[in-house]
Amino acid sequence: MEFKKEKVGTGRFSHLILKNSEIIVDVGFDENSRFLEVLSDPSYKTVILYPGDETIDLSHSESKVKLGNKPLQFIVIDGTWPCAKKMMKLTTKLHGLERVSFNTLRISEFQVKHQPMPGCLSTVESIHQVLLDLNQLGLESNEGREENLMDVFRKTVQQQMELAQDPARQGYRKKPFSLPSDRKISKKWQSRLLFFRNSDD
């Protein structure tokens, strides 16, 4: 639904910026032929960027050994937090994949959407962090080109905020965007915190 409605979603422009990337749209992917084709490609070691108790933490140097020598293929789930959880649950073929994560207290710059806590990043910010970590591990050599992701992202967020504050422009929002520091965290997030690890754990 979001893919059909949102023309400037972070997943969409991440794909436009990143070479050798692809968007596959679905909710449960076990019967999606293109997904199954990608998943079974023997040329790659396929991993999924998703939090969990047992993940390969890209921010640690020993991750390079754990990832092996084959070219890496990352599956990134793009959706709201509840939708991402649903997609992961329904797609059983993802359950056996090794999970990768990053350990950061980076604050999301996605000011038009509420993030529950430090380290919870939008799709484009998560991909950017992965690229930074892969460069640090010596598995990528982007020479700073990954910053294109953040340049486009920041410009998009700024434009969305300006449009929302324009009284002459009719939109779905009744009020301008509030600052993240002024927003209250919904009680339902307390039941979702089990999906995130504290850096002190």
C-alpha atoms as a PDB file:
ATOM      1  CA  MET A   1       0.000   0.000   0.000  1.00  0.00           C
ATOM      2  CA  GLU A   2       2.784   2.421   0.889  1.00  0.00           C
ATOM      3  CA  PHE A   3       4.683   1.590  -2.300  1.00  0.00           C
ATOM      4  CA  LYS A   4       1.625   2.473  -4.393  1.00  0.00           C
ATOM      5  CA  LYS A   5       0.885   5.725  -2.540  1.00  0.00           C
ATOM      6  CA  GLU A   6       4.310   7.072  -1.605  1.00  0.00           C
ATOM      7  CA  LYS A   7       6.248   8.307  -4.625  1.00  0.00           C
ATOM      8  CA  VAL A   8       9.184   9.587  -2.580  1.00  0.00           C
ATOM      9  CA  GLY A   9       9.471   6.759  -0.042  1.00  0.00           C
ATOM     10  CA  THR A  10      12.952   6.060   1.273  1.00  0.00           C
ATOM     11  CA  GLY A  11      12.956   2.522  -0.095  1.00  0.00           C
ATOM     12  CA  ARG A  12      12.151   3.794  -3.579  1.00  0.00           C
ATOM     13  CA  PHE A  13      14.871   6.414  -3.795  1.00  0.00           C
ATOM     14  CA  SER A  14      17.390   4.122  -2.082  1.00  0.00           C
ATOM     15  CA  HIS A  15      16.819   1.761  -4.998  1.00  0.00           C
ATOM     16  CA  LEU A  16      17.226   4.584  -7.528  1.00  0.00           C
ATOM     17  CA  ILE A  17      20.547   5.627  -5.990  1.00  0.00           C
ATOM     18  CA  LEU A  18      22.024   2.175  -5.360  1.00  0.00           C
ATOM     19  CA  LYS A  19      23.359   0.204  -8.293  1.00  0.00           C
ATOM     20  CA  ASN A  20      22.584  -3.519  -8.358  1.00  0.00           C
ATOM     21  CA  SER A  21      19.513  -3.117  -6.155  1.00  0.00           C
ATOM     22  CA  GLU A  22      15.943  -4.235  -6.711  1.00  0.00           C
ATOM     23  CA  ILE A  23      12.525  -3.641  -5.151  1.00  0.00           C
ATOM     24  CA  ILE A  24      10.183  -6.613  -4.715  1.00  0.00           C
ATOM     25  CA  VAL A  25       6.717  -5.644  -3.489  1.00  0.00           C
ATOM     26  CA  ASP A  26       4.695  -8.047  -1.341  1.00  0.00           C
ATOM     27  CA  VAL A  27       3.773  -8.823   2.266  1.00  0.00           C
ATOM     28  CA  GLY A  28       4.359 -12.578   2.511  1.00  0.00           C
ATOM     29  CA  PHE A  29       7.088 -13.546   0.030  1.00  0.00           C
ATOM     30  CA  ASP A  30       7.143 -17.344   0.273  1.00  0.00           C
ATOM     31  CA  GLU A  31       5.234 -17.680  -3.015  1.00  0.00           C
ATOM     32  CA  ASN A  32       6.791 -14.677  -4.765  1.00  0.00           C
ATOM     33  CA  SER A  33       8.655 -16.081  -7.766  1.00  0.00           C
ATOM     34  CA  ARG A  34      11.146 -13.214  -8.097  1.00  0.00           C
ATOM     35  CA  PHE A  35      11.943 -13.327  -4.387  1.00  0.00           C
ATOM     36  CA  LEU A  36      12.544 -17.081  -4.547  1.00  0.00           C
ATOM     37  CA  GLU A  37      14.790 -16.616  -7.580  1.00  0.00           C
ATOM     38  CA  VAL A  38      16.872 -13.988  -5.774  1.00  0.00           C
ATOM     39  CA  LEU A  39      17.027 -16.055  -2.603  1.00  0.00           C
ATOM     40  CA  SER A  40      18.305 -19.156  -4.399  1.00  0.00           C
ATOM     41  CA  ASP A  41      21.092 -17.407  -6.359  1.00  0.00           C
ATOM     42  CA  PRO A  42      24.240 -19.424  -5.504  1.00  0.00           C
ATOM     43  CA  SER A  43      26.505 -16.531  -6.492  1.00  0.00           C
ATOM     44  CA  TYR A  44      25.805 -14.713  -3.225  1.00  0.00           C
ATOM     45  CA  LYS A  45      25.742 -15.185   0.505  1.00  0.00           C
ATOM     46  CA  THR A  46      22.271 -13.812   1.327  1.00  0.00           C
ATOM     47  CA  VAL A  47      21.689 -12.137   4.678  1.00  0.00           C
ATOM     48  CA  ILE A  48      18.832 -10.070   6.063  1.00  0.00           C
ATOM     49  CA  LEU A  49      19.149  -6.732   7.823  1.00  0.00           C
ATOM     50  CA  TYR A  50      16.921  -7.296  10.824  1.00  0.00           C
ATOM     51  CA  PRO A  51      17.376  -7.048  14.609  1.00  0.00           C
ATOM     52  CA  GLY A  52      17.424 -10.079  16.862  1.00  0.00           C
ATOM     53  CA  ASP A  53      19.160 -11.822  19.728  1.00  0.00           C
ATOM     54  CA  GLU A  54      21.659 -13.507  17.413  1.00  0.00           C
ATOM     55  CA  THR A  55      22.954 -11.271  14.648  1.00  0.00           C
ATOM     56  CA  ILE A  56      26.230 -10.510  12.917  1.00  0.00           C
ATOM     57  CA  ASP A  57      27.032  -7.045  14.218  1.00  0.00           C
ATOM     58  CA  LEU A  58      28.616  -5.106  11.353  1.00  0.00           C
ATOM     59  CA  SER A  59      30.112  -2.611  13.778  1.00  0.00           C
ATOM     60  CA  HIS A  60      32.517  -5.286  15.097  1.00  0.00           C
ATOM     61  CA  SER A  61      35.711  -6.191  13.224  1.00  0.00           C
ATOM     62  CA  GLU A  62      35.213  -9.958  13.664  1.00  0.00           C
ATOM     63  CA  SER A  63      32.078  -9.739  11.507  1.00  0.00           C
ATOM     64  CA  LYS A  64      34.276  -9.871   8.416  1.00  0.00           C
ATOM     65  CA  VAL A  65      35.227 -13.475   9.199  1.00  0.00           C
ATOM     66  CA  LYS A  66      31.627 -14.447   9.982  1.00  0.00           C
ATOM     67  CA  LEU A  67      30.381 -13.054   6.663  1.00  0.00           C
ATOM     68  CA  GLY A  68      32.740 -15.260   4.656  1.00  0.00           C
ATOM     69  CA  ASN A  69      34.282 -14.683   1.242  1.00  0.00           C
ATOM     70  CA  LYS A  70      31.300 -14.808  -1.114  1.00  0.00           C
ATOM     71  CA  PRO A  71      29.749 -11.563  -2.381  1.00  0.00           C
ATOM     72  CA  LEU A  72      27.011 -10.412  -0.001  1.00  0.00           C
ATOM     73  CA  GLN A  73      23.374  -9.967  -0.937  1.00  0.00           C
ATOM     74  CA  PHE A  74      21.363  -7.970   1.607  1.00  0.00           C
ATOM     75  CA  ILE A  75      17.614  -8.271   2.016  1.00  0.00           C
ATOM     76  CA  VAL A  76      16.199  -5.106   3.586  1.00  0.00           C
ATOM     77  CA  ILE A  77      12.571  -4.988   4.690  1.00  0.00           C
ATOM     78  CA  ASP A  78      11.035  -1.596   3.934  1.00  0.00           C
ATOM     79  CA  GLY A  79       7.833  -0.720   5.755  1.00  0.00           C
ATOM     80  CA  THR A  80       6.421   0.602   8.995  1.00  0.00           C
ATOM     81  CA  TRP A  81       7.642  -1.159  12.153  1.00  0.00           C
ATOM     82  CA  PRO A  82       4.390  -3.197  12.507  1.00  0.00           C
ATOM     83  CA  CYS A  83       4.387  -4.040   8.786  1.00  0.00           C
ATOM     84  CA  ALA A  84       8.040  -5.127   8.861  1.00  0.00           C
ATOM     85  CA  LYS A  85       7.249  -7.463  11.749  1.00  0.00           C
ATOM     86  CA  LYS A  86       4.326  -8.926   9.788  1.00  0.00           C
ATOM     87  CA  MET A  87       6.425  -9.388   6.638  1.00  0.00           C
ATOM     88  CA  MET A  88       9.091 -11.191   8.634  1.00  0.00           C
ATOM     89  CA  LYS A  89       6.543 -13.435  10.331  1.00  0.00           C
ATOM     90  CA  LEU A  90       4.735 -14.411   7.114  1.00  0.00           C
ATOM     91  CA  THR A  91       7.871 -15.019   5.042  1.00  0.00           C
ATOM     92  CA  THR A  92       9.139 -18.220   6.592  1.00  0.00           C
ATOM     93  CA  LYS A  93      11.960 -18.520   4.061  1.00  0.00           C
ATOM     94  CA  LEU A  94      13.606 -15.542   5.749  1.00  0.00           C
ATOM     95  CA  HIS A  95      13.690 -17.258   9.122  1.00  0.00           C
ATOM     96  CA  GLY A  96      16.721 -19.407   8.323  1.00  0.00           C
ATOM     97  CA  LEU A  97      18.853 -16.584   6.938  1.00  0.00           C
ATOM     98  CA  GLU A  98      21.669 -15.115   8.974  1.00  0.00           C
ATOM     99  CA  ARG A  99      20.694 -11.724  10.365  1.00  0.00           C
ATOM    100  CA  VAL A 100      22.985  -8.724  10.270  1.00  0.00           C
ATOM    101  CA  SER A 101      22.650  -5.625  12.415  1.00  0.00           C
ATOM    102  CA  PHE A 102      24.540  -2.526  13.458  1.00  0.00           C
ATOM    103  CA  ASN A 103      25.182  -1.082  16.885  1.00  0.00           C
ATOM    104  CA  THR A 104      24.619   2.659  16.931  1.00  0.00           C
ATOM    105  CA  LEU A 105      22.937   5.342  18.993  1.00  0.00           C
ATOM    106  CA  ARG A 106      22.525   7.432  15.872  1.00  0.00           C
ATOM    107  CA  ILE A 107      19.411   9.614  16.010  1.00  0.00           C
ATOM    108  CA  SER A 108      17.122   9.348  12.990  1.00  0.00           C
ATOM    109  CA  GLU A 109      16.862  12.471  10.856  1.00  0.00           C
ATOM    110  CA  PHE A 110      13.467  11.380   9.537  1.00  0.00           C
ATOM    111  CA  GLN A 111      11.658  14.233  11.258  1.00  0.00           C
ATOM    112  CA  VAL A 112       8.347  13.649   9.482  1.00  0.00           C
ATOM    113  CA  LYS A 113       7.995  10.207  11.067  1.00  0.00           C
ATOM    114  CA  HIS A 114       8.326   9.226  14.694  1.00  0.00           C
ATOM    115  CA  GLN A 115      11.075   6.812  15.710  1.00  0.00           C
ATOM    116  CA  PRO A 116      10.736   5.216  19.170  1.00  0.00           C
ATOM    117  CA  MET A 117      14.357   5.376  20.322  1.00  0.00           C
ATOM    118  CA  PRO A 118      17.977   6.050  19.254  1.00  0.00           C
ATOM    119  CA  GLY A 119      19.221   3.488  16.760  1.00  0.00           C
ATOM    120  CA  CYS A 120      15.793   3.064  15.127  1.00  0.00           C
ATOM    121  CA  LEU A 121      16.455   4.366  11.642  1.00  0.00           C
ATOM    122  CA  SER A 122      14.539   4.715   8.415  1.00  0.00           C
ATOM    123  CA  THR A 123      15.294   2.376   5.523  1.00  0.00           C
ATOM    124  CA  VAL A 124      17.662   4.799   3.807  1.00  0.00           C
ATOM    125  CA  GLU A 125      19.489   5.633   7.046  1.00  0.00           C
ATOM    126  CA  SER A 126      19.856   1.922   7.831  1.00  0.00           C
ATOM    127  CA  ILE A 127      21.317   1.220   4.389  1.00  0.00           C
ATOM    128  CA  HIS A 128      23.658   4.181   4.806  1.00  0.00           C
ATOM    129  CA  GLN A 129      24.834   2.824   8.171  1.00  0.00           C
ATOM    130  CA  VAL A 130      25.400  -0.632   6.656  1.00  0.00           C
ATOM    131  CA  LEU A 131      27.532   0.896   3.904  1.00  0.00           C
ATOM    132  CA  LEU A 132      29.564   2.858   6.456  1.00  0.00           C
ATOM    133  CA  ASP A 133      30.176  -0.330   8.438  1.00  0.00           C
ATOM    134  CA  LEU A 134      31.041  -2.374   5.335  1.00  0.00           C
ATOM    135  CA  ASN A 135      33.567   0.286   4.311  1.00  0.00           C
ATOM    136  CA  GLN A 136      35.054   0.142   7.808  1.00  0.00           C
ATOM    137  CA  LEU A 137      35.347  -3.649   7.500  1.00  0.00           C
ATOM    138  CA  GLY A 138      37.032  -3.334   4.098  1.00  0.00           C
ATOM    139  CA  LEU A 139      34.162  -5.139   2.343  1.00  0.00           C
ATOM    140  CA  GLU A 140      33.119  -2.047   0.378  1.00  0.00           C
ATOM    141  CA  SER A 141      35.016   0.915  -1.039  1.00  0.00           C
ATOM    142  CA  ASN A 142      32.480   3.632  -1.764  1.00  0.00           C
ATOM    143  CA  GLU A 143      34.888   6.556  -1.332  1.00  0.00           C
ATOM    144  CA  GLY A 144      32.137   8.659   0.248  1.00  0.00           C
ATOM    145  CA  ARG A 145      29.568   8.073  -2.491  1.00  0.00           C
ATOM    146  CA  GLU A 146      27.185   6.569   0.067  1.00  0.00           C
ATOM    147  CA  GLU A 147      26.550  10.155   1.214  1.00  0.00           C
ATOM    148  CA  ASN A 148      24.361  10.580  -1.888  1.00  0.00           C
ATOM    149  CA  LEU A 149      21.745   8.615   0.041  1.00  0.00           C
ATOM    150  CA  MET A 150      21.723  11.083   2.917  1.00  0.00           C
ATOM    151  CA  ASP A 151      21.879  14.156   0.667  1.00  0.00           C
ATOM    152  CA  VAL A 152      18.704  13.097  -1.146  1.00  0.00           C
ATOM    153  CA  PHE A 153      17.083  11.994   2.110  1.00  0.00           C
ATOM    154  CA  ARG A 154      17.703  15.307   3.897  1.00  0.00           C
ATOM    155  CA  LYS A 155      16.471  17.283   0.909  1.00  0.00           C
ATOM    156  CA  THR A 156      13.297  15.181   0.741  1.00  0.00           C
ATOM    157  CA  VAL A 157      12.569  15.590   4.467  1.00  0.00           C
ATOM    158  CA  GLN A 158      13.121  19.347   4.263  1.00  0.00           C
ATOM    159  CA  GLN A 159      10.807  19.623   1.273  1.00  0.00           C
ATOM    160  CA  GLN A 160       8.086  17.611   3.016  1.00  0.00           C
ATOM    161  CA  MET A 161       8.253  19.858   6.056  1.00  0.00           C
ATOM    162  CA  GLU A 162       8.106  23.022   3.971  1.00  0.00           C
ATOM    163  CA  LEU A 163       5.101  21.778   2.024  1.00  0.00           C
ATOM    164  CA  ALA A 164       3.277  20.808   5.219  1.00  0.00           C
ATOM    165  CA  GLN A 165       3.798  24.320   6.627  1.00  0.00           C
ATOM    166  CA  ASP A 166       2.502  26.046   3.495  1.00  0.00           C
ATOM    167  CA  PRO A 167      -1.053  27.271   4.326  1.00  0.00           C
ATOM    168  CA  ALA A 168      -1.846  27.709   0.648  1.00  0.00           C
ATOM    169  CA  ARG A 169      -1.248  24.045  -0.082  1.00  0.00           C
ATOM    170  CA  GLN A 170      -3.994  21.582   0.706  1.00  0.00           C
ATOM    171  CA  GLY A 171      -2.798  18.302   2.133  1.00  0.00           C
ATOM    172  CA  TYR A 172      -3.805  15.497   4.432  1.00  0.00           C
ATOM    173  CA  ARG A 173      -2.106  17.016   7.472  1.00  0.00           C
ATOM    174  CA  LYS A 174      -4.126  19.429   9.614  1.00  0.00           C
ATOM    175  CA  LYS A 175      -1.076  20.685  11.533  1.00  0.00           C
ATOM    176  CA  PRO A 176       2.594  21.267  10.661  1.00  0.00           C
ATOM    177  CA  PHE A 177       5.112  18.618  11.626  1.00  0.00           C
ATOM    178  CA  SER A 178       6.150  18.734  15.270  1.00  0.00           C
ATOM    179  CA  LEU A 179       9.713  18.343  16.465  1.00  0.00           C
ATOM    180  CA  PRO A 180      10.679  14.782  17.497  1.00  0.00           C
ATOM    181  CA  SER A 181      11.488  16.072  21.001  1.00  0.00           C
ATOM    182  CA  ASP A 182       7.893  17.316  21.377  1.00  0.00           C
ATOM    183  CA  ARG A 183       6.270  13.991  20.505  1.00  0.00           C
ATOM    184  CA  LYS A 184       5.085  11.423  23.000  1.00  0.00           C
ATOM    185  CA  ILE A 185       6.043   7.779  22.656  1.00  0.00           C
ATOM    186  CA  SER A 186       2.962   5.595  22.351  1.00  0.00           C
ATOM    187  CA  LYS A 187       2.438   3.034  25.119  1.00  0.00           C
ATOM    188  CA  LYS A 188       2.325   0.285  22.495  1.00  0.00           C
ATOM    189  CA  TRP A 189       6.040   0.794  21.896  1.00  0.00           C
ATOM    190  CA  GLN A 190       6.745  -0.681  25.314  1.00  0.00           C
ATOM    191  CA  SER A 191       5.625  -4.050  23.957  1.00  0.00           C
ATOM    192  CA  ARG A 192       7.859  -3.690  20.894  1.00  0.00           C
ATOM    193  CA  LEU A 193      11.108  -2.859  22.634  1.00  0.00           C
ATOM    194  CA  LEU A 194      12.012  -6.547  22.676  1.00  0.00           C
ATOM    195  CA  PHE A 195      12.991  -6.149  19.021  1.00  0.00           C
ATOM    196  CA  PHE A 196      15.789  -3.724  19.822  1.00  0.00           C
ATOM    197  CA  ARG A 197      19.039  -4.269  21.686  1.00  0.00           C
ATOM    198  CA  ASN A 198      20.576  -1.774  24.038  1.00  0.00           C
ATOM    199  CA  SER A 199      24.246  -1.049  23.270  1.00  0.00           C
ATOM    200  CA  ASP A 200      25.103  -1.935  26.886  1.00  0.00           C
ATOM    201  CA  ASP A 201      23.701  -5.495  26.607  1.00  0.00           C
END
